[in-house]
Structure formats: C-alpha cells, structure tokens
N, C-alpha and C. Protein backbone atom coordinates (compact mmCIF):
# COMPACT_ATOMS: atom_id res chain seq x y z
N MET A 1 -14.62 -11.89 14.31
CA MET A 1 -13.44 -12.04 13.46
C MET A 1 -12.22 -11.59 14.26
N ASP A 2 -11.26 -12.47 14.49
CA ASP A 2 -10.06 -12.17 15.26
C ASP A 2 -8.95 -11.71 14.31
N ILE A 3 -8.78 -10.40 14.19
CA ILE A 3 -7.80 -9.83 13.26
C ILE A 3 -6.76 -9.06 14.05
N THR A 4 -5.49 -9.29 13.73
CA THR A 4 -4.38 -8.58 14.35
C THR A 4 -3.83 -7.58 13.35
N TYR A 5 -3.54 -6.36 13.81
CA TYR A 5 -2.96 -5.30 12.99
C TYR A 5 -1.59 -4.98 13.56
N ARG A 6 -0.58 -4.89 12.68
CA ARG A 6 0.77 -4.61 13.17
C ARG A 6 1.66 -4.13 12.05
N LYS A 7 2.87 -3.68 12.45
CA LYS A 7 3.89 -3.30 11.45
C LYS A 7 4.42 -4.57 10.80
N ALA A 8 4.76 -4.45 9.55
CA ALA A 8 5.34 -5.58 8.82
C ALA A 8 6.77 -5.83 9.28
N THR A 9 7.17 -7.10 9.21
CA THR A 9 8.55 -7.50 9.52
C THR A 9 9.11 -8.25 8.30
N ILE A 10 10.39 -8.49 8.34
CA ILE A 10 11.03 -9.20 7.22
C ILE A 10 10.44 -10.60 7.02
N GLU A 11 10.00 -11.21 8.09
CA GLU A 11 9.41 -12.54 7.98
C GLU A 11 8.09 -12.53 7.21
N ASP A 12 7.47 -11.36 7.09
CA ASP A 12 6.20 -11.23 6.39
C ASP A 12 6.33 -11.10 4.88
N MET A 13 7.55 -10.93 4.39
CA MET A 13 7.72 -10.60 2.97
C MET A 13 7.13 -11.63 2.01
N PRO A 14 7.27 -12.95 2.25
CA PRO A 14 6.63 -13.90 1.32
C PRO A 14 5.11 -13.74 1.27
N GLY A 15 4.47 -13.56 2.41
CA GLY A 15 3.02 -13.39 2.44
C GLY A 15 2.59 -12.07 1.83
N ILE A 16 3.36 -11.03 2.06
CA ILE A 16 3.06 -9.72 1.47
C ILE A 16 3.19 -9.81 -0.05
N HIS A 17 4.26 -10.43 -0.51
CA HIS A 17 4.47 -10.57 -1.95
C HIS A 17 3.32 -11.36 -2.58
N ALA A 18 2.86 -12.40 -1.92
CA ALA A 18 1.75 -13.19 -2.44
C ALA A 18 0.49 -12.34 -2.57
N LEU A 19 0.23 -11.47 -1.60
CA LEU A 19 -0.94 -10.62 -1.66
C LEU A 19 -0.80 -9.57 -2.76
N VAL A 20 0.41 -9.07 -2.97
CA VAL A 20 0.64 -8.12 -4.06
C VAL A 20 0.39 -8.81 -5.41
N ARG A 21 0.81 -10.04 -5.54
CA ARG A 21 0.54 -10.79 -6.78
C ARG A 21 -0.97 -10.98 -6.99
N GLU A 22 -1.68 -11.19 -5.89
CA GLU A 22 -3.13 -11.30 -5.98
C GLU A 22 -3.74 -9.99 -6.49
N LEU A 23 -3.23 -8.86 -5.99
CA LEU A 23 -3.68 -7.55 -6.47
C LEU A 23 -3.35 -7.37 -7.95
N ALA A 24 -2.14 -7.73 -8.33
CA ALA A 24 -1.73 -7.59 -9.73
C ALA A 24 -2.65 -8.41 -10.64
N ASP A 25 -3.03 -9.58 -10.19
CA ASP A 25 -3.94 -10.40 -10.97
C ASP A 25 -5.30 -9.71 -11.09
N TYR A 26 -5.79 -9.14 -9.98
CA TYR A 26 -7.06 -8.39 -9.98
C TYR A 26 -7.00 -7.22 -10.95
N GLU A 27 -5.84 -6.56 -11.02
CA GLU A 27 -5.66 -5.40 -11.90
C GLU A 27 -5.24 -5.80 -13.31
N LYS A 28 -5.27 -7.08 -13.59
CA LYS A 28 -4.92 -7.62 -14.91
C LYS A 28 -3.49 -7.29 -15.32
N GLY A 29 -2.58 -7.35 -14.33
CA GLY A 29 -1.19 -7.02 -14.60
C GLY A 29 -0.20 -8.00 -14.01
N LEU A 30 -0.64 -9.22 -13.74
CA LEU A 30 0.25 -10.21 -13.12
C LEU A 30 1.50 -10.44 -13.95
N ASP A 31 1.38 -10.36 -15.27
CA ASP A 31 2.54 -10.58 -16.15
C ASP A 31 3.59 -9.47 -16.02
N LYS A 32 3.25 -8.36 -15.36
CA LYS A 32 4.19 -7.25 -15.19
C LYS A 32 4.97 -7.31 -13.89
N VAL A 33 4.60 -8.23 -13.01
CA VAL A 33 5.28 -8.34 -11.71
C VAL A 33 6.64 -9.00 -11.91
N THR A 34 7.70 -8.29 -11.57
CA THR A 34 9.06 -8.83 -11.70
C THR A 34 9.74 -9.03 -10.34
N THR A 35 9.06 -8.59 -9.27
CA THR A 35 9.64 -8.76 -7.94
C THR A 35 9.48 -10.20 -7.47
N THR A 36 10.22 -10.54 -6.44
CA THR A 36 10.15 -11.86 -5.82
C THR A 36 10.08 -11.66 -4.30
N PRO A 37 9.71 -12.69 -3.57
CA PRO A 37 9.76 -12.57 -2.11
C PRO A 37 11.17 -12.22 -1.63
N GLU A 38 12.18 -12.74 -2.33
CA GLU A 38 13.57 -12.44 -1.95
C GLU A 38 13.91 -10.97 -2.19
N SER A 39 13.45 -10.42 -3.31
CA SER A 39 13.74 -9.00 -3.56
C SER A 39 12.99 -8.12 -2.57
N TYR A 40 11.79 -8.53 -2.18
CA TYR A 40 11.06 -7.80 -1.14
C TYR A 40 11.87 -7.80 0.16
N SER A 41 12.37 -8.97 0.54
CA SER A 41 13.14 -9.08 1.78
C SER A 41 14.38 -8.20 1.74
N THR A 42 15.08 -8.22 0.63
CA THR A 42 16.29 -7.39 0.48
C THR A 42 15.95 -5.91 0.59
N ASP A 43 14.95 -5.48 -0.16
CA ASP A 43 14.59 -4.06 -0.17
C ASP A 43 14.00 -3.61 1.17
N PHE A 44 13.21 -4.46 1.79
CA PHE A 44 12.66 -4.14 3.10
C PHE A 44 13.77 -3.99 4.13
N SER A 45 14.72 -4.90 4.11
CA SER A 45 15.82 -4.84 5.09
C SER A 45 16.71 -3.62 4.88
N LYS A 46 16.73 -3.08 3.67
CA LYS A 46 17.52 -1.89 3.38
C LYS A 46 16.72 -0.60 3.57
N GLY A 47 15.47 -0.72 4.03
CA GLY A 47 14.66 0.45 4.33
C GLY A 47 13.98 1.11 3.15
N TRP A 48 13.87 0.40 2.04
CA TRP A 48 13.22 0.98 0.86
C TRP A 48 11.72 1.17 1.07
N PHE A 49 11.13 0.38 1.93
CA PHE A 49 9.71 0.54 2.23
C PHE A 49 9.39 0.00 3.61
N GLU A 50 8.24 0.42 4.11
CA GLU A 50 7.71 -0.05 5.38
C GLU A 50 6.27 -0.48 5.13
N GLY A 51 5.64 -1.01 6.13
CA GLY A 51 4.25 -1.37 5.94
C GLY A 51 3.54 -1.79 7.20
N PHE A 52 2.24 -1.83 7.08
CA PHE A 52 1.36 -2.37 8.11
C PHE A 52 0.61 -3.52 7.48
N LEU A 53 0.15 -4.44 8.31
CA LEU A 53 -0.63 -5.55 7.79
C LEU A 53 -1.71 -5.96 8.76
N ALA A 54 -2.66 -6.67 8.23
CA ALA A 54 -3.71 -7.30 9.02
C ALA A 54 -3.60 -8.80 8.77
N GLU A 55 -3.77 -9.57 9.83
CA GLU A 55 -3.68 -11.02 9.67
C GLU A 55 -4.70 -11.71 10.57
N THR A 56 -5.08 -12.87 10.14
CA THR A 56 -5.95 -13.72 10.94
C THR A 56 -5.55 -15.17 10.70
N GLY A 57 -5.46 -15.92 11.76
CA GLY A 57 -5.06 -17.32 11.65
C GLY A 57 -3.71 -17.51 10.98
N GLY A 58 -2.80 -16.55 11.18
CA GLY A 58 -1.48 -16.65 10.57
C GLY A 58 -1.43 -16.28 9.10
N GLU A 59 -2.56 -15.85 8.53
CA GLU A 59 -2.64 -15.49 7.11
C GLU A 59 -2.74 -13.97 6.98
N ILE A 60 -1.89 -13.40 6.12
CA ILE A 60 -1.96 -11.96 5.85
C ILE A 60 -3.15 -11.71 4.94
N ILE A 61 -4.05 -10.84 5.41
CA ILE A 61 -5.28 -10.57 4.65
C ILE A 61 -5.32 -9.14 4.10
N ALA A 62 -4.40 -8.29 4.54
CA ALA A 62 -4.39 -6.92 4.05
C ALA A 62 -3.03 -6.29 4.32
N ILE A 63 -2.63 -5.38 3.43
CA ILE A 63 -1.35 -4.67 3.59
C ILE A 63 -1.50 -3.21 3.19
N ALA A 64 -0.66 -2.41 3.79
CA ALA A 64 -0.48 -1.01 3.39
C ALA A 64 1.03 -0.79 3.36
N LEU A 65 1.61 -0.73 2.17
CA LEU A 65 3.05 -0.54 2.01
C LEU A 65 3.31 0.91 1.60
N PHE A 66 4.32 1.52 2.23
CA PHE A 66 4.58 2.93 1.96
C PHE A 66 6.07 3.22 2.03
N THR A 67 6.42 4.37 1.49
CA THR A 67 7.82 4.79 1.43
C THR A 67 7.89 6.30 1.64
N PRO A 68 8.97 6.81 2.23
CA PRO A 68 9.10 8.25 2.39
C PRO A 68 9.42 8.92 1.05
N MET A 69 8.92 10.13 0.90
CA MET A 69 9.21 10.94 -0.28
C MET A 69 9.35 12.39 0.17
N PHE A 70 9.72 13.24 -0.76
CA PHE A 70 9.88 14.65 -0.45
C PHE A 70 9.19 15.49 -1.51
N SER A 71 8.40 16.45 -1.07
CA SER A 71 7.74 17.39 -1.95
C SER A 71 8.48 18.72 -1.84
N THR A 72 8.93 19.26 -2.96
CA THR A 72 9.66 20.53 -2.91
C THR A 72 8.75 21.68 -2.48
N TRP A 73 7.45 21.52 -2.63
CA TRP A 73 6.52 22.58 -2.23
C TRP A 73 6.01 22.40 -0.81
N ARG A 74 5.88 21.16 -0.38
CA ARG A 74 5.28 20.89 0.93
C ARG A 74 6.25 20.34 1.98
N GLY A 75 7.26 19.61 1.51
CA GLY A 75 8.20 19.00 2.45
C GLY A 75 8.00 17.50 2.51
N ARG A 76 8.18 16.98 3.69
CA ARG A 76 8.15 15.53 3.93
C ARG A 76 6.77 14.94 3.63
N MET A 77 6.76 13.79 2.95
CA MET A 77 5.50 13.10 2.69
C MET A 77 5.73 11.60 2.69
N LEU A 78 4.64 10.86 2.79
CA LEU A 78 4.68 9.41 2.64
C LEU A 78 3.87 9.04 1.41
N TYR A 79 4.40 8.10 0.66
CA TYR A 79 3.72 7.60 -0.53
C TYR A 79 3.20 6.20 -0.24
N LEU A 80 1.91 6.02 -0.37
CA LEU A 80 1.28 4.72 -0.19
C LEU A 80 1.40 3.95 -1.50
N GLU A 81 2.33 3.05 -1.54
CA GLU A 81 2.63 2.33 -2.77
C GLU A 81 1.59 1.25 -3.08
N ASP A 82 1.20 0.50 -2.08
CA ASP A 82 0.18 -0.52 -2.30
C ASP A 82 -0.68 -0.65 -1.06
N PHE A 83 -1.96 -0.79 -1.30
CA PHE A 83 -2.95 -0.93 -0.25
C PHE A 83 -3.92 -1.99 -0.73
N VAL A 84 -3.87 -3.15 -0.10
CA VAL A 84 -4.63 -4.30 -0.57
C VAL A 84 -5.37 -4.95 0.59
N VAL A 85 -6.63 -5.23 0.37
CA VAL A 85 -7.42 -6.02 1.31
C VAL A 85 -7.95 -7.21 0.52
N ARG A 86 -7.65 -8.39 0.99
CA ARG A 86 -8.16 -9.59 0.31
C ARG A 86 -9.68 -9.46 0.15
N GLU A 87 -10.16 -9.81 -1.01
CA GLU A 87 -11.55 -9.56 -1.39
C GLU A 87 -12.56 -10.05 -0.35
N SER A 88 -12.33 -11.21 0.21
CA SER A 88 -13.30 -11.77 1.16
C SER A 88 -13.34 -11.01 2.48
N TYR A 89 -12.41 -10.09 2.72
CA TYR A 89 -12.38 -9.30 3.95
C TYR A 89 -12.78 -7.84 3.73
N ARG A 90 -13.11 -7.49 2.50
CA ARG A 90 -13.53 -6.12 2.22
C ARG A 90 -14.92 -5.88 2.81
N GLY A 91 -15.15 -4.65 3.24
CA GLY A 91 -16.44 -4.28 3.80
C GLY A 91 -16.58 -4.60 5.28
N HIS A 92 -15.48 -5.01 5.92
CA HIS A 92 -15.52 -5.35 7.35
C HIS A 92 -14.67 -4.39 8.20
N GLY A 93 -14.22 -3.29 7.60
CA GLY A 93 -13.44 -2.30 8.36
C GLY A 93 -11.94 -2.55 8.38
N VAL A 94 -11.49 -3.61 7.73
CA VAL A 94 -10.06 -3.94 7.72
C VAL A 94 -9.27 -2.85 6.99
N GLY A 95 -9.74 -2.45 5.80
CA GLY A 95 -9.06 -1.41 5.04
C GLY A 95 -9.06 -0.09 5.78
N LYS A 96 -10.19 0.25 6.39
CA LYS A 96 -10.29 1.50 7.15
C LYS A 96 -9.25 1.54 8.26
N LYS A 97 -9.14 0.46 9.00
CA LYS A 97 -8.16 0.39 10.10
C LYS A 97 -6.74 0.55 9.57
N LEU A 98 -6.39 -0.18 8.51
CA LEU A 98 -5.03 -0.08 7.96
C LEU A 98 -4.73 1.29 7.39
N PHE A 99 -5.70 1.86 6.66
CA PHE A 99 -5.50 3.18 6.07
C PHE A 99 -5.30 4.23 7.17
N GLU A 100 -6.06 4.12 8.24
CA GLU A 100 -5.91 5.06 9.35
C GLU A 100 -4.60 4.85 10.09
N MET A 101 -4.09 3.62 10.14
CA MET A 101 -2.75 3.38 10.70
C MET A 101 -1.69 4.08 9.85
N PHE A 102 -1.85 4.00 8.53
CA PHE A 102 -0.93 4.68 7.61
C PHE A 102 -0.99 6.19 7.83
N LEU A 103 -2.19 6.75 7.92
CA LEU A 103 -2.33 8.20 8.14
C LEU A 103 -1.71 8.61 9.48
N GLU A 104 -1.91 7.81 10.50
CA GLU A 104 -1.32 8.11 11.81
C GLU A 104 0.21 8.05 11.74
N GLU A 105 0.74 7.10 11.00
CA GLU A 105 2.20 7.02 10.82
C GLU A 105 2.71 8.27 10.12
N ALA A 106 1.99 8.76 9.13
CA ALA A 106 2.38 9.99 8.44
C ALA A 106 2.40 11.16 9.42
N ARG A 107 1.39 11.24 10.26
CA ARG A 107 1.37 12.31 11.28
C ARG A 107 2.53 12.15 12.25
N ARG A 108 2.79 10.91 12.67
CA ARG A 108 3.89 10.65 13.61
C ARG A 108 5.23 11.08 13.02
N GLN A 109 5.40 10.84 11.71
CA GLN A 109 6.63 11.23 11.04
C GLN A 109 6.63 12.70 10.62
N LYS A 110 5.57 13.42 11.00
CA LYS A 110 5.44 14.85 10.69
C LYS A 110 5.42 15.13 9.18
N ALA A 111 4.80 14.21 8.45
CA ALA A 111 4.64 14.41 7.01
C ALA A 111 3.64 15.54 6.78
N LYS A 112 3.85 16.26 5.70
CA LYS A 112 2.95 17.36 5.33
C LYS A 112 1.83 16.89 4.42
N LEU A 113 2.01 15.74 3.80
CA LEU A 113 0.96 15.15 2.96
C LEU A 113 1.26 13.69 2.71
N VAL A 114 0.25 13.00 2.25
CA VAL A 114 0.40 11.63 1.78
C VAL A 114 -0.12 11.60 0.35
N LYS A 115 0.44 10.69 -0.43
CA LYS A 115 0.02 10.53 -1.83
C LYS A 115 -0.14 9.05 -2.13
N TRP A 116 -0.98 8.79 -3.12
CA TRP A 116 -1.15 7.43 -3.63
C TRP A 116 -1.87 7.52 -4.96
N GLN A 117 -2.03 6.40 -5.59
CA GLN A 117 -2.76 6.32 -6.85
C GLN A 117 -3.89 5.31 -6.71
N VAL A 118 -4.92 5.53 -7.51
CA VAL A 118 -6.01 4.57 -7.60
C VAL A 118 -6.39 4.52 -9.08
N LEU A 119 -6.61 3.32 -9.58
CA LEU A 119 -6.98 3.17 -10.98
C LEU A 119 -8.34 3.82 -11.23
N ASP A 120 -8.47 4.47 -12.37
CA ASP A 120 -9.70 5.20 -12.67
C ASP A 120 -10.92 4.29 -12.79
N TRP A 121 -10.73 3.01 -13.01
CA TRP A 121 -11.85 2.08 -13.10
C TRP A 121 -12.17 1.38 -11.78
N ASN A 122 -11.39 1.67 -10.75
CA ASN A 122 -11.57 1.01 -9.45
C ASN A 122 -12.59 1.79 -8.61
N ALA A 123 -13.85 1.66 -8.96
CA ALA A 123 -14.92 2.39 -8.27
C ALA A 123 -14.96 2.11 -6.76
N PRO A 124 -14.80 0.85 -6.31
CA PRO A 124 -14.81 0.63 -4.86
C PRO A 124 -13.66 1.37 -4.16
N GLY A 125 -12.48 1.39 -4.77
CA GLY A 125 -11.35 2.11 -4.19
C GLY A 125 -11.60 3.61 -4.14
N ILE A 126 -12.09 4.15 -5.23
CA ILE A 126 -12.39 5.58 -5.29
C ILE A 126 -13.44 5.94 -4.24
N ASN A 127 -14.47 5.14 -4.12
CA ASN A 127 -15.51 5.41 -3.12
C ASN A 127 -14.96 5.32 -1.70
N PHE A 128 -14.03 4.39 -1.47
CA PHE A 128 -13.39 4.29 -0.16
C PHE A 128 -12.65 5.59 0.16
N TYR A 129 -11.85 6.09 -0.77
CA TYR A 129 -11.06 7.29 -0.53
C TYR A 129 -11.92 8.54 -0.40
N LYS A 130 -13.09 8.53 -0.99
CA LYS A 130 -14.00 9.68 -0.88
C LYS A 130 -14.45 9.89 0.56
N LYS A 131 -14.36 8.87 1.39
CA LYS A 131 -14.75 8.99 2.80
C LYS A 131 -13.75 9.83 3.59
N TYR A 132 -12.61 10.09 3.01
CA TYR A 132 -11.56 10.89 3.65
C TYR A 132 -11.50 12.24 2.94
N ASP A 133 -10.68 13.11 3.40
CA ASP A 133 -10.55 14.44 2.79
C ASP A 133 -9.58 14.35 1.61
N THR A 134 -9.90 13.48 0.66
CA THR A 134 -9.01 13.18 -0.46
C THR A 134 -9.18 14.18 -1.60
N VAL A 135 -8.05 14.60 -2.15
CA VAL A 135 -8.04 15.44 -3.34
C VAL A 135 -7.73 14.52 -4.52
N PHE A 136 -8.65 14.40 -5.45
CA PHE A 136 -8.43 13.61 -6.65
C PHE A 136 -7.87 14.55 -7.71
N ASP A 137 -6.59 14.41 -8.01
CA ASP A 137 -5.86 15.34 -8.86
C ASP A 137 -5.92 14.90 -10.31
N LYS A 138 -6.65 15.61 -11.12
CA LYS A 138 -6.76 15.29 -12.55
C LYS A 138 -5.76 16.10 -13.38
N GLU A 139 -5.02 16.98 -12.73
CA GLU A 139 -4.11 17.88 -13.44
C GLU A 139 -2.78 17.24 -13.80
N TRP A 140 -2.29 16.34 -12.95
CA TRP A 140 -0.97 15.75 -13.15
C TRP A 140 -1.08 14.44 -13.92
N ILE A 141 -0.11 14.19 -14.76
CA ILE A 141 -0.04 12.94 -15.52
C ILE A 141 1.11 12.11 -14.96
N ASP A 142 0.84 10.86 -14.65
CA ASP A 142 1.89 9.97 -14.17
C ASP A 142 2.87 9.67 -15.29
N CYS A 143 4.13 9.67 -14.98
CA CYS A 143 5.19 9.35 -15.95
C CYS A 143 6.07 8.26 -15.37
N LYS A 144 6.58 7.39 -16.23
CA LYS A 144 7.42 6.27 -15.79
C LYS A 144 8.49 5.99 -16.81
N ILE A 145 9.60 5.48 -16.34
CA ILE A 145 10.65 4.90 -17.18
C ILE A 145 11.02 3.58 -16.52
N TYR A 146 10.93 2.50 -17.25
CA TYR A 146 11.30 1.19 -16.73
C TYR A 146 12.74 0.87 -17.12
N PHE A 147 13.50 0.34 -16.18
CA PHE A 147 14.85 -0.13 -16.45
C PHE A 147 14.85 -1.65 -16.41
N GLU A 148 15.48 -2.25 -17.35
CA GLU A 148 15.59 -3.70 -17.37
C GLU A 148 16.70 -4.12 -16.43
N ASP A 149 16.58 -5.32 -15.85
CA ASP A 149 17.60 -5.84 -14.92
C ASP A 149 18.91 -6.07 -15.61
C-alpha cells in the first residue's frame, strides 16, 4: 500500500471537508455539519487549525486536525479536533502513524498535554487510544453554546 503522510495545505481543504462529512455521517450527525470547503479554506488560511493527512492515489484517506489551546494549570496544549481514518484503511497502521505525527508535533511545539474527545459508544476508537498512555476523564462534563450565523 503506497501511502503518503504530510502536513495539510489549503489545497487539501475540499478533500478534508469531504472526509469530515463522512465521519459526521458515521456518527449520525451529518445534519449538524454547517461548515463548507470554503469555510475550511478561510479558517485554515487564518491559522485556526492545522493538520496532517494520509493519502494514496491522490485521495485523502485519513486526517488529524488540531488547534492550539492553553491550560491554566498545565500551559500550552494541542487539541485534536478530528481524527478520521476512512473505514477501508482502518487496521493497517494509518491511524497509528497519523496519531503519532500529532503527538510529535505537540512535543515539537513544547505542549504540556494534548486533549481530544471520543464518543462513549465508539469502542474501536476507545480501544485505539488505550494503546497509548491515555487518561479517560469521567470527571469533566463537556459544555457547548452554539451561535447561529
């Protein structure tokens, strides 16, 4: 399998957005996606997020999108916003490689921690993260406020 791993560029935004929509469909939330490839391009160009991707034959098959954050207790951190491997490529080490690229980027940026979320029903995702020194935090409750355009 000839797979290339690299940092995302602005030209990748349509393909990245398509993969995010695929994830949203898997998570039964496609109707909640309000972003567009154009909004991805705008936000990416303004530095709102960065990412790594895996591709084969010109097709993006996996992404790890992240953004810088700050912890008042720990300091600098990176937040892994989305981590997606196309289903047909799971179990071949693609996710492992991308996740480790993300962790290495966090170390390079001298982050004190990384954070992300995984759905409580996503057993394959939870099992993947158990292979790392992951702390599954049951103490904190996620909170959100949505703003309409």
